[in-house]
Amino acid sequence: AWHRQALGEQRELVARVTYDGVTYYADSMKGRFTIS
């Protein structure tokens, strides 16, 4: 998975991918980010 932390903010999940390639995205990243 990828997480991110902006200055002064909590760390948040960006996207996650299982071994088999199943993906999950945080709502604000959908359509813009691709995890592989």
PDB file of all heavy atoms in Angstrom:
ATOM      1  N   ALA A   1       0.835  -1.201   0.000  1.00  0.00           N
ATOM      2  CA  ALA A   1       0.000   0.000   0.000  1.00  0.00           C
ATOM      3  C   ALA A   1       0.868   1.249   0.000  1.00  0.00           C
ATOM      4  O   ALA A   1       2.034   1.214   0.377  1.00  0.00           O
ATOM      5  CB  ALA A   1      -0.924   0.011   1.219  1.00  0.00           C
ATOM      6  N   TRP A   2       0.237   2.331  -0.424  1.00  0.00           N
ATOM      7  CA  TRP A   2       0.840   3.655  -0.313  1.00  0.00           C
ATOM      8  C   TRP A   2      -0.025   4.489   0.632  1.00  0.00           C
ATOM      9  O   TRP A   2      -1.251   4.490   0.529  1.00  0.00           O
ATOM     10  CB  TRP A   2       0.904   4.336  -1.672  1.00  0.00           C
ATOM     11  CG  TRP A   2       1.920   3.750  -2.582  1.00  0.00           C
ATOM     12  CD1 TRP A   2       1.717   2.785  -3.534  1.00  0.00           C
ATOM     13  CD2 TRP A   2       3.312   4.062  -2.625  1.00  0.00           C
ATOM     14  NE1 TRP A   2       2.894   2.489  -4.158  1.00  0.00           N
ATOM     15  CE2 TRP A   2       3.892   3.267  -3.625  1.00  0.00           C
ATOM     16  CE3 TRP A   2       4.132   4.952  -1.930  1.00  0.00           C
ATOM     17  CZ2 TRP A   2       5.256   3.317  -3.944  1.00  0.00           C
ATOM     18  CZ3 TRP A   2       5.481   5.007  -2.234  1.00  0.00           C
ATOM     19  CH2 TRP A   2       6.027   4.201  -3.241  1.00  0.00           C
ATOM     20  N   HIS A   3       0.653   5.168   1.538  1.00  0.00           N
ATOM     21  CA  HIS A   3       0.027   6.115   2.433  1.00  0.00           C
ATOM     22  C   HIS A   3       0.703   7.462   2.205  1.00  0.00           C
ATOM     23  O   HIS A   3       1.779   7.533   1.616  1.00  0.00           O
ATOM     24  CB  HIS A   3       0.214   5.695   3.895  1.00  0.00           C
ATOM     25  CG  HIS A   3      -0.431   4.396   4.240  1.00  0.00           C
ATOM     26  ND1 HIS A   3      -1.486   4.298   5.117  1.00  0.00           N
ATOM     27  CD2 HIS A   3      -0.183   3.128   3.826  1.00  0.00           C
ATOM     28  CE1 HIS A   3      -1.849   3.033   5.249  1.00  0.00           C
ATOM     29  NE2 HIS A   3      -1.079   2.310   4.461  1.00  0.00           N
ATOM     30  N   ARG A   4       0.082   8.516   2.698  1.00  0.00           N
ATOM     31  CA  ARG A   4       0.734   9.818   2.602  1.00  0.00           C
ATOM     32  C   ARG A   4       0.426  10.635   3.846  1.00  0.00           C
ATOM     33  O   ARG A   4      -0.590  10.417   4.526  1.00  0.00           O
ATOM     34  CB  ARG A   4       0.298  10.569   1.352  1.00  0.00           C
ATOM     35  CG  ARG A   4      -1.138  11.073   1.375  1.00  0.00           C
ATOM     36  CD  ARG A   4      -1.493  11.725   0.046  1.00  0.00           C
ATOM     37  NE  ARG A   4      -2.816  12.330   0.071  1.00  0.00           N
ATOM     38  CZ  ARG A   4      -3.398  12.886  -0.982  1.00  0.00           C
ATOM     39  NH1 ARG A   4      -2.754  12.928  -2.165  1.00  0.00           N
ATOM     40  NH2 ARG A   4      -4.597  13.423  -0.883  1.00  0.00           N
ATOM     41  N   GLN A   5       1.324  11.547   4.131  1.00  0.00           N
ATOM     42  CA  GLN A   5       1.154  12.420   5.286  1.00  0.00           C
ATOM     43  C   GLN A   5       1.576  13.826   4.909  1.00  0.00           C
ATOM     44  O   GLN A   5       2.760  14.072   4.639  1.00  0.00           O
ATOM     45  CB  GLN A   5       1.961  11.911   6.480  1.00  0.00           C
ATOM     46  CG  GLN A   5       1.689  12.669   7.763  1.00  0.00           C
ATOM     47  CD  GLN A   5       2.273  11.964   8.979  1.00  0.00           C
ATOM     48  OE1 GLN A   5       3.153  11.110   8.873  1.00  0.00           O
ATOM     49  NE2 GLN A   5       1.768  12.304  10.140  1.00  0.00           N
ATOM     50  N   ALA A   6       0.606  14.715   4.893  1.00  0.00           N
ATOM     51  CA  ALA A   6       0.901  16.115   4.645  1.00  0.00           C
ATOM     52  C   ALA A   6       1.327  16.777   5.950  1.00  0.00           C
ATOM     53  O   ALA A   6       1.016  16.282   7.043  1.00  0.00           O
ATOM     54  CB  ALA A   6      -0.323  16.810   4.073  1.00  0.00           C
ATOM     55  N   LEU A   7       1.995  17.889   5.839  1.00  0.00           N
ATOM     56  CA  LEU A   7       2.490  18.599   7.011  1.00  0.00           C
ATOM     57  C   LEU A   7       1.335  18.969   7.935  1.00  0.00           C
ATOM     58  O   LEU A   7       0.366  19.589   7.516  1.00  0.00           O
ATOM     59  CB  LEU A   7       3.249  19.851   6.578  1.00  0.00           C
ATOM     60  CG  LEU A   7       4.096  20.532   7.637  1.00  0.00           C
ATOM     61  CD1 LEU A   7       5.199  19.593   8.120  1.00  0.00           C
ATOM     62  CD2 LEU A   7       4.696  21.822   7.099  1.00  0.00           C
ATOM     63  N   GLY A   8       1.432  18.556   9.173  1.00  0.00           N
ATOM     64  CA  GLY A   8       0.403  18.869  10.149  1.00  0.00           C
ATOM     65  C   GLY A   8      -0.838  18.009  10.076  1.00  0.00           C
ATOM     66  O   GLY A   8      -1.804  18.250  10.812  1.00  0.00           O
ATOM     67  N   GLU A   9      -0.819  17.011   9.210  1.00  0.00           N
ATOM     68  CA  GLU A   9      -1.980  16.144   9.036  1.00  0.00           C
ATOM     69  C   GLU A   9      -1.650  14.713   9.466  1.00  0.00           C
ATOM     70  O   GLU A   9      -0.488  14.357   9.629  1.00  0.00           O
ATOM     71  CB  GLU A   9      -2.434  16.150   7.577  1.00  0.00           C
ATOM     72  CG  GLU A   9      -2.784  17.515   7.017  1.00  0.00           C
ATOM     73  CD  GLU A   9      -4.063  18.075   7.632  1.00  0.00           C
ATOM     74  OE1 GLU A   9      -4.912  17.276   8.057  1.00  0.00           O
ATOM     75  OE2 GLU A   9      -4.179  19.323   7.696  1.00  0.00           O
ATOM     76  N   GLN A  10      -2.700  13.931   9.623  1.00  0.00           N
ATOM     77  CA  GLN A  10      -2.503  12.514   9.938  1.00  0.00           C
ATOM     78  C   GLN A  10      -2.165  11.745   8.662  1.00  0.00           C
ATOM     79  O   GLN A  10      -2.520  12.148   7.553  1.00  0.00           O
ATOM     80  CB  GLN A  10      -3.773  11.933  10.568  1.00  0.00           C
ATOM     81  CG  GLN A  10      -4.045  12.432  11.976  1.00  0.00           C
ATOM     82  CD  GLN A  10      -5.185  11.672  12.630  1.00  0.00           C
ATOM     83  OE1 GLN A  10      -6.077  11.160  11.979  1.00  0.00           O
ATOM     84  NE2 GLN A  10      -5.139  11.580  13.953  1.00  0.00           N
ATOM     85  N   ARG A  11      -1.478  10.635   8.841  1.00  0.00           N
ATOM     86  CA  ARG A  11      -1.159   9.766   7.704  1.00  0.00           C
ATOM     87  C   ARG A  11      -2.454   9.127   7.215  1.00  0.00           C
ATOM     88  O   ARG A  11      -3.281   8.694   8.003  1.00  0.00           O
ATOM     89  CB  ARG A  11      -0.155   8.698   8.112  1.00  0.00           C
ATOM     90  CG  ARG A  11       0.441   7.929   6.960  1.00  0.00           C
ATOM     91  CD  ARG A  11       1.577   7.012   7.409  1.00  0.00           C
ATOM     92  NE  ARG A  11       2.688   7.761   7.982  1.00  0.00           N
ATOM     93  CZ  ARG A  11       3.858   7.195   8.296  1.00  0.00           C
ATOM     94  NH1 ARG A  11       4.053   5.907   8.061  1.00  0.00           N
ATOM     95  NH2 ARG A  11       4.807   7.934   8.823  1.00  0.00           N
ATOM     96  N   GLU A  12      -2.616   9.079   5.890  1.00  0.00           N
ATOM     97  CA  GLU A  12      -3.823   8.519   5.317  1.00  0.00           C
ATOM     98  C   GLU A  12      -3.478   7.500   4.236  1.00  0.00           C
ATOM     99  O   GLU A  12      -2.450   7.604   3.557  1.00  0.00           O
ATOM    100  CB  GLU A  12      -4.707   9.621   4.715  1.00  0.00           C
ATOM    101  CG  GLU A  12      -4.079  10.374   3.567  1.00  0.00           C
ATOM    102  CD  GLU A  12      -5.038  11.355   2.906  1.00  0.00           C
ATOM    103  OE1 GLU A  12      -6.254  11.285   3.132  1.00  0.00           O
ATOM    104  OE2 GLU A  12      -4.543  12.198   2.122  1.00  0.00           O
ATOM    105  N   LEU A  13      -4.367   6.531   4.076  1.00  0.00           N
ATOM    106  CA  LEU A  13      -4.196   5.521   3.043  1.00  0.00           C
ATOM    107  C   LEU A  13      -4.522   6.133   1.681  1.00  0.00           C
ATOM    108  O   LEU A  13      -5.550   6.785   1.506  1.00  0.00           O
ATOM    109  CB  LEU A  13      -5.122   4.336   3.310  1.00  0.00           C
ATOM    110  CG  LEU A  13      -5.155   3.244   2.243  1.00  0.00           C
ATOM    111  CD1 LEU A  13      -3.816   2.535   2.154  1.00  0.00           C
ATOM    112  CD2 LEU A  13      -6.262   2.235   2.557  1.00  0.00           C
ATOM    113  N   VAL A  14      -3.641   5.882   0.724  1.00  0.00           N
ATOM    114  CA  VAL A  14      -3.854   6.351  -0.634  1.00  0.00           C
ATOM    115  C   VAL A  14      -4.425   5.227  -1.492  1.00  0.00           C
ATOM    116  O   VAL A  14      -5.460   5.381  -2.146  1.00  0.00           O
ATOM    117  CB  VAL A  14      -2.531   6.847  -1.248  1.00  0.00           C
ATOM    118  CG1 VAL A  14      -2.706   7.165  -2.723  1.00  0.00           C
ATOM    119  CG2 VAL A  14      -2.005   8.055  -0.474  1.00  0.00           C
ATOM    120  N   ALA A  15      -3.729   4.103  -1.503  1.00  0.00           N
ATOM    121  CA  ALA A  15      -4.143   2.977  -2.332  1.00  0.00           C
ATOM    122  C   ALA A  15      -3.485   1.707  -1.808  1.00  0.00           C
ATOM    123  O   ALA A  15      -2.450   1.764  -1.137  1.00  0.00           O
ATOM    124  CB  ALA A  15      -3.763   3.198  -3.795  1.00  0.00           C
ATOM    125  N   ARG A  16      -4.109   0.575  -2.141  1.00  0.00           N
ATOM    126  CA  ARG A  16      -3.637  -0.713  -1.666  1.00  0.00           C
ATOM    127  C   ARG A  16      -3.817  -1.743  -2.769  1.00  0.00           C
ATOM    128  O   ARG A  16      -4.780  -1.672  -3.554  1.00  0.00           O
ATOM    129  CB  ARG A  16      -4.444  -1.113  -0.419  1.00  0.00           C
ATOM    130  CG  ARG A  16      -4.034  -2.403   0.250  1.00  0.00           C
ATOM    131  CD  ARG A  16      -4.905  -2.603   1.502  1.00  0.00           C
ATOM    132  NE  ARG A  16      -4.536  -3.776   2.274  1.00  0.00           N
ATOM    133  CZ  ARG A  16      -5.092  -4.976   2.103  1.00  0.00           C
ATOM    134  NH1 ARG A  16      -6.018  -5.147   1.185  1.00  0.00           N
ATOM    135  NH2 ARG A  16      -4.702  -5.989   2.843  1.00  0.00           N
ATOM    136  N   VAL A  17      -2.884  -2.687  -2.852  1.00  0.00           N
ATOM    137  CA  VAL A  17      -3.004  -3.754  -3.851  1.00  0.00           C
ATOM    138  C   VAL A  17      -2.629  -5.076  -3.207  1.00  0.00           C
ATOM    139  O   VAL A  17      -1.618  -5.168  -2.498  1.00  0.00           O
ATOM    140  CB  VAL A  17      -2.122  -3.460  -5.096  1.00  0.00           C
ATOM    141  CG1 VAL A  17      -0.646  -3.327  -4.737  1.00  0.00           C
ATOM    142  CG2 VAL A  17      -2.318  -4.533  -6.171  1.00  0.00           C
ATOM    143  N   THR A  18      -3.447  -6.091  -3.401  1.00  0.00           N
ATOM    144  CA  THR A  18      -3.152  -7.410  -2.859  1.00  0.00           C
ATOM    145  C   THR A  18      -2.145  -8.124  -3.746  1.00  0.00           C
ATOM    146  O   THR A  18      -1.807  -7.665  -4.841  1.00  0.00           O
ATOM    147  CB  THR A  18      -4.429  -8.260  -2.767  1.00  0.00           C
ATOM    148  OG1 THR A  18      -4.878  -8.569  -4.098  1.00  0.00           O
ATOM    149  CG2 THR A  18      -5.534  -7.531  -2.010  1.00  0.00           C
ATOM    150  N   TYR A  19      -1.689  -9.277  -3.283  1.00  0.00           N
ATOM    151  CA  TYR A  19      -0.743 -10.065  -4.077  1.00  0.00           C
ATOM    152  C   TYR A  19      -1.346 -10.413  -5.443  1.00  0.00           C
ATOM    153  O   TYR A  19      -0.651 -10.443  -6.450  1.00  0.00           O
ATOM    154  CB  TYR A  19      -0.375 -11.342  -3.326  1.00  0.00           C
ATOM    155  CG  TYR A  19       0.589 -12.221  -4.089  1.00  0.00           C
ATOM    156  CD1 TYR A  19       1.957 -11.999  -4.023  1.00  0.00           C
ATOM    157  CD2 TYR A  19       0.122 -13.267  -4.882  1.00  0.00           C
ATOM    158  CE1 TYR A  19       2.835 -12.794  -4.725  1.00  0.00           C
ATOM    159  CE2 TYR A  19       1.002 -14.074  -5.591  1.00  0.00           C
ATOM    160  CZ  TYR A  19       2.356 -13.827  -5.506  1.00  0.00           C
ATOM    161  OH  TYR A  19       3.239 -14.613  -6.220  1.00  0.00           O
ATOM    162  N   ASP A  20      -2.648 -10.659  -5.446  1.00  0.00           N
ATOM    163  CA  ASP A  20      -3.330 -11.060  -6.673  1.00  0.00           C
ATOM    164  C   ASP A  20      -3.763  -9.873  -7.541  1.00  0.00           C
ATOM    165  O   ASP A  20      -4.402 -10.066  -8.567  1.00  0.00           O
ATOM    166  CB  ASP A  20      -4.570 -11.902  -6.339  1.00  0.00           C
ATOM    167  CG  ASP A  20      -4.202 -13.216  -5.687  1.00  0.00           C
ATOM    168  OD1 ASP A  20      -3.124 -13.747  -6.023  1.00  0.00           O
ATOM    169  OD2 ASP A  20      -4.980 -13.714  -4.850  1.00  0.00           O
ATOM    170  N   GLY A  21      -3.442  -8.651  -7.097  1.00  0.00           N
ATOM    171  CA  GLY A  21      -3.727  -7.489  -7.930  1.00  0.00           C
ATOM    172  C   GLY A  21      -5.054  -6.802  -7.676  1.00  0.00           C
ATOM    173  O   GLY A  21      -5.446  -5.922  -8.441  1.00  0.00           O
ATOM    174  N   VAL A  22      -5.734  -7.187  -6.598  1.00  0.00           N
ATOM    175  CA  VAL A  22      -6.983  -6.493  -6.270  1.00  0.00           C
ATOM    176  C   VAL A  22      -6.623  -5.147  -5.643  1.00  0.00           C
ATOM    177  O   VAL A  22      -5.813  -5.074  -4.723  1.00  0.00           O
ATOM    178  CB  VAL A  22      -7.836  -7.326  -5.306  1.00  0.00           C
ATOM    179  CG1 VAL A  22      -9.093  -6.564  -4.893  1.00  0.00           C
ATOM    180  CG2 VAL A  22      -8.196  -8.661  -5.943  1.00  0.00           C
ATOM    181  N   THR A  23      -7.237  -4.101  -6.133  1.00  0.00           N
ATOM    182  CA  THR A  23      -6.858  -2.756  -5.701  1.00  0.00           C
ATOM    183  C   THR A  23      -7.970  -2.052  -4.930  1.00  0.00           C
ATOM    184  O   THR A  23      -9.163  -2.362  -5.076  1.00  0.00           O
ATOM    185  CB  THR A  23      -6.496  -1.886  -6.911  1.00  0.00           C
ATOM    186  OG1 THR A  23      -7.612  -1.836  -7.812  1.00  0.00           O
ATOM    187  CG2 THR A  23      -5.281  -2.436  -7.625  1.00  0.00           C
ATOM    188  N   TYR A  24      -7.541  -1.119  -4.119  1.00  0.00           N
ATOM    189  CA  TYR A  24      -8.451  -0.249  -3.376  1.00  0.00           C
ATOM    190  C   TYR A  24      -7.852   1.153  -3.417  1.00  0.00           C
ATOM    191  O   TYR A  24      -6.650   1.338  -3.281  1.00  0.00           O
ATOM    192  CB  TYR A  24      -8.596  -0.710  -1.925  1.00  0.00           C
ATOM    193  CG  TYR A  24      -9.224   0.347  -1.044  1.00  0.00           C
ATOM    194  CD1 TYR A  24     -10.608   0.466  -0.966  1.00  0.00           C
ATOM    195  CD2 TYR A  24      -8.444   1.260  -0.332  1.00  0.00           C
ATOM    196  CE1 TYR A  24     -11.191   1.450  -0.188  1.00  0.00           C
ATOM    197  CE2 TYR A  24      -9.015   2.243   0.441  1.00  0.00           C
ATOM    198  CZ  TYR A  24     -10.393   2.336   0.508  1.00  0.00           C
ATOM    199  OH  TYR A  24     -10.975   3.320   1.268  1.00  0.00           O
ATOM    200  N   TYR A  25      -8.735   2.153  -3.570  1.00  0.00           N
ATOM    201  CA  TYR A  25      -8.292   3.537  -3.591  1.00  0.00           C
ATOM    202  C   TYR A  25      -9.128   4.383  -2.643  1.00  0.00           C
ATOM    203  O   TYR A  25     -10.345   4.203  -2.536  1.00  0.00           O
ATOM    204  CB  TYR A  25      -8.427   4.131  -4.998  1.00  0.00           C
ATOM    205  CG  TYR A  25      -7.565   3.462  -6.032  1.00  0.00           C
ATOM    206  CD1 TYR A  25      -8.047   2.398  -6.785  1.00  0.00           C
ATOM    207  CD2 TYR A  25      -6.257   3.878  -6.247  1.00  0.00           C
ATOM    208  CE1 TYR A  25      -7.268   1.769  -7.735  1.00  0.00           C
ATOM    209  CE2 TYR A  25      -5.456   3.263  -7.196  1.00  0.00           C
ATOM    210  CZ  TYR A  25      -5.964   2.211  -7.928  1.00  0.00           C
ATOM    211  OH  TYR A  25      -5.168   1.590  -8.864  1.00  0.00           O
ATOM    212  N   ALA A  26      -8.476   5.331  -2.004  1.00  0.00           N
ATOM    213  CA  ALA A  26      -9.221   6.340  -1.273  1.00  0.00           C
ATOM    214  C   ALA A  26     -10.008   7.154  -2.294  1.00  0.00           C
ATOM    215  O   ALA A  26      -9.588   7.315  -3.445  1.00  0.00           O
ATOM    216  CB  ALA A  26      -8.269   7.241  -0.499  1.00  0.00           C
ATOM    217  N   ASP A  27     -11.146   7.655  -1.875  1.00  0.00           N
ATOM    218  CA  ASP A  27     -12.058   8.314  -2.814  1.00  0.00           C
ATOM    219  C   ASP A  27     -11.395   9.437  -3.595  1.00  0.00           C
ATOM    220  O   ASP A  27     -11.613   9.581  -4.808  1.00  0.00           O
ATOM    221  CB  ASP A  27     -13.275   8.851  -2.056  1.00  0.00           C
ATOM    222  CG  ASP A  27     -14.231   7.748  -1.635  1.00  0.00           C
ATOM    223  OD1 ASP A  27     -14.115   6.638  -2.194  1.00  0.00           O
ATOM    224  OD2 ASP A  27     -15.060   7.989  -0.752  1.00  0.00           O
ATOM    225  N   SER A  28     -10.586  10.247  -2.940  1.00  0.00           N
ATOM    226  CA  SER A  28     -10.011  11.415  -3.614  1.00  0.00           C
ATOM    227  C   SER A  28      -8.938  11.040  -4.637  1.00  0.00           C
ATOM    228  O   SER A  28      -8.510  11.879  -5.430  1.00  0.00           O
ATOM    229  CB  SER A  28      -9.436  12.385  -2.588  1.00  0.00           C
ATOM    230  OG  SER A  28      -8.400  11.772  -1.853  1.00  0.00           O
ATOM    231  N   MET A  29      -8.495   9.774  -4.616  1.00  0.00           N
ATOM    232  CA  MET A  29      -7.461   9.328  -5.548  1.00  0.00           C
ATOM    233  C   MET A  29      -8.036   8.582  -6.753  1.00  0.00           C
ATOM    234  O   MET A  29      -7.330   8.381  -7.740  1.00  0.00           O
ATOM    235  CB  MET A  29      -6.511   8.361  -4.859  1.00  0.00           C
ATOM    236  CG  MET A  29      -5.599   8.859  -3.744  1.00  0.00           C
ATOM    237  SD  MET A  29      -5.813  10.442  -3.014  1.00  0.00           S
ATOM    238  CE  MET A  29      -5.525  10.074  -1.297  1.00  0.00           C
ATOM    239  N   LYS A  30      -9.280   8.166  -6.653  1.00  0.00           N
ATOM    240  CA  LYS A  30      -9.870   7.376  -7.734  1.00  0.00           C
ATOM    241  C   LYS A  30      -9.861   8.150  -9.041  1.00  0.00           C
ATOM    242  O   LYS A  30     -10.232   9.312  -9.102  1.00  0.00           O
ATOM    243  CB  LYS A  30     -11.307   6.983  -7.364  1.00  0.00           C
ATOM    244  CG  LYS A  30     -11.396   5.956  -6.248  1.00  0.00           C
ATOM    245  CD  LYS A  30     -12.849   5.632  -5.928  1.00  0.00           C
ATOM    246  CE  LYS A  30     -12.931   4.623  -4.794  1.00  0.00           C
ATOM    247  NZ  LYS A  30     -14.334   4.326  -4.413  1.00  0.00           N
ATOM    248  N   GLY A  31      -9.433   7.474 -10.086  1.00  0.00           N
ATOM    249  CA  GLY A  31      -9.395   8.086 -11.407  1.00  0.00           C
ATOM    250  C   GLY A  31      -8.133   8.869 -11.690  1.00  0.00           C
ATOM    251  O   GLY A  31      -7.862   9.199 -12.850  1.00  0.00           O
ATOM    252  N   ARG A  32      -7.352   9.177 -10.660  1.00  0.00           N
ATOM    253  CA  ARG A  32      -6.111   9.920 -10.856  1.00  0.00           C
ATOM    254  C   ARG A  32      -4.878   9.076 -10.570  1.00  0.00           C
ATOM    255  O   ARG A  32      -3.853   9.238 -11.217  1.00  0.00           O
ATOM    256  CB  ARG A  32      -6.076  11.161  -9.958  1.00  0.00           C
ATOM    257  CG  ARG A  32      -7.185  12.153 -10.199  1.00  0.00           C
ATOM    258  CD  ARG A  32      -6.922  13.450  -9.446  1.00  0.00           C
ATOM    259  NE  ARG A  32      -6.793  13.245  -7.997  1.00  0.00           N
ATOM    260  CZ  ARG A  32      -5.746  13.631  -7.273  1.00  0.00           C
ATOM    261  NH1 ARG A  32      -4.722  14.232  -7.851  1.00  0.00           N
ATOM    262  NH2 ARG A  32      -5.728  13.424  -5.959  1.00  0.00           N
ATOM    263  N   PHE A  33      -4.972   8.218  -9.572  1.00  0.00           N
ATOM    264  CA  PHE A  33      -3.837   7.393  -9.152  1.00  0.00           C
ATOM    265  C   PHE A  33      -4.075   5.939  -9.541  1.00  0.00           C
ATOM    266  O   PHE A  33      -5.220   5.459  -9.511  1.00  0.00           O
ATOM    267  CB  PHE A  33      -3.653   7.469  -7.645  1.00  0.00           C
ATOM    268  CG  PHE A  33      -3.200   8.801  -7.121  1.00  0.00           C
ATOM    269  CD1 PHE A  33      -3.105   9.920  -7.943  1.00  0.00           C
ATOM    270  CD2 PHE A  33      -2.865   8.940  -5.776  1.00  0.00           C
ATOM    271  CE1 PHE A  33      -2.685  11.133  -7.444  1.00  0.00           C
ATOM    272  CE2 PHE A  33      -2.441  10.159  -5.265  1.00  0.00           C
ATOM    273  CZ  PHE A  33      -2.361  11.260  -6.102  1.00  0.00           C
ATOM    274  N   THR A  34      -3.004   5.248  -9.869  1.00  0.00           N
ATOM    275  CA  THR A  34      -3.075   3.832 -10.181  1.00  0.00           C
ATOM    276  C   THR A  34      -1.965   3.097  -9.437  1.00  0.00           C
ATOM    277  O   THR A  34      -0.792   3.436  -9.602  1.00  0.00           O
ATOM    278  CB  THR A  34      -2.929   3.573 -11.683  1.00  0.00           C
ATOM    279  OG1 THR A  34      -3.948   4.277 -12.395  1.00  0.00           O
ATOM    280  CG2 THR A  34      -3.043   2.083 -11.981  1.00  0.00           C
ATOM    281  N   ILE A  35      -2.354   2.123  -8.638  1.00  0.00           N
ATOM    282  CA  ILE A  35      -1.376   1.312  -7.932  1.00  0.00           C
ATOM    283  C   ILE A  35      -1.211  -0.001  -8.684  1.00  0.00           C
ATOM    284  O   ILE A  35      -2.176  -0.562  -9.225  1.00  0.00           O
ATOM    285  CB  ILE A  35      -1.801   1.055  -6.461  1.00  0.00           C
ATOM    286  CG1 ILE A  35      -0.670   0.399  -5.674  1.00  0.00           C
ATOM    287  CG2 ILE A  35      -3.094   0.242  -6.377  1.00  0.00           C
ATOM    288  CD1 ILE A  35      -0.917   0.330  -4.169  1.00  0.00           C
ATOM    289  N   SER A  36       0.008  -0.491  -8.722  1.00  0.00           N
ATOM    290  CA  SER A  36       0.293  -1.765  -9.375  1.00  0.00           C
ATOM    291  C   SER A  36       1.495  -2.398  -8.688  1.00  0.00           C
ATOM    292  O   SER A  36       2.124  -1.774  -7.827  1.00  0.00           O
ATOM    293  CB  SER A  36       0.570  -1.566 -10.872  1.00  0.00           C
ATOM    294  OG  SER A  36       1.707  -0.735 -11.058  1.00  0.00           O
TER     295      SER A  36
END
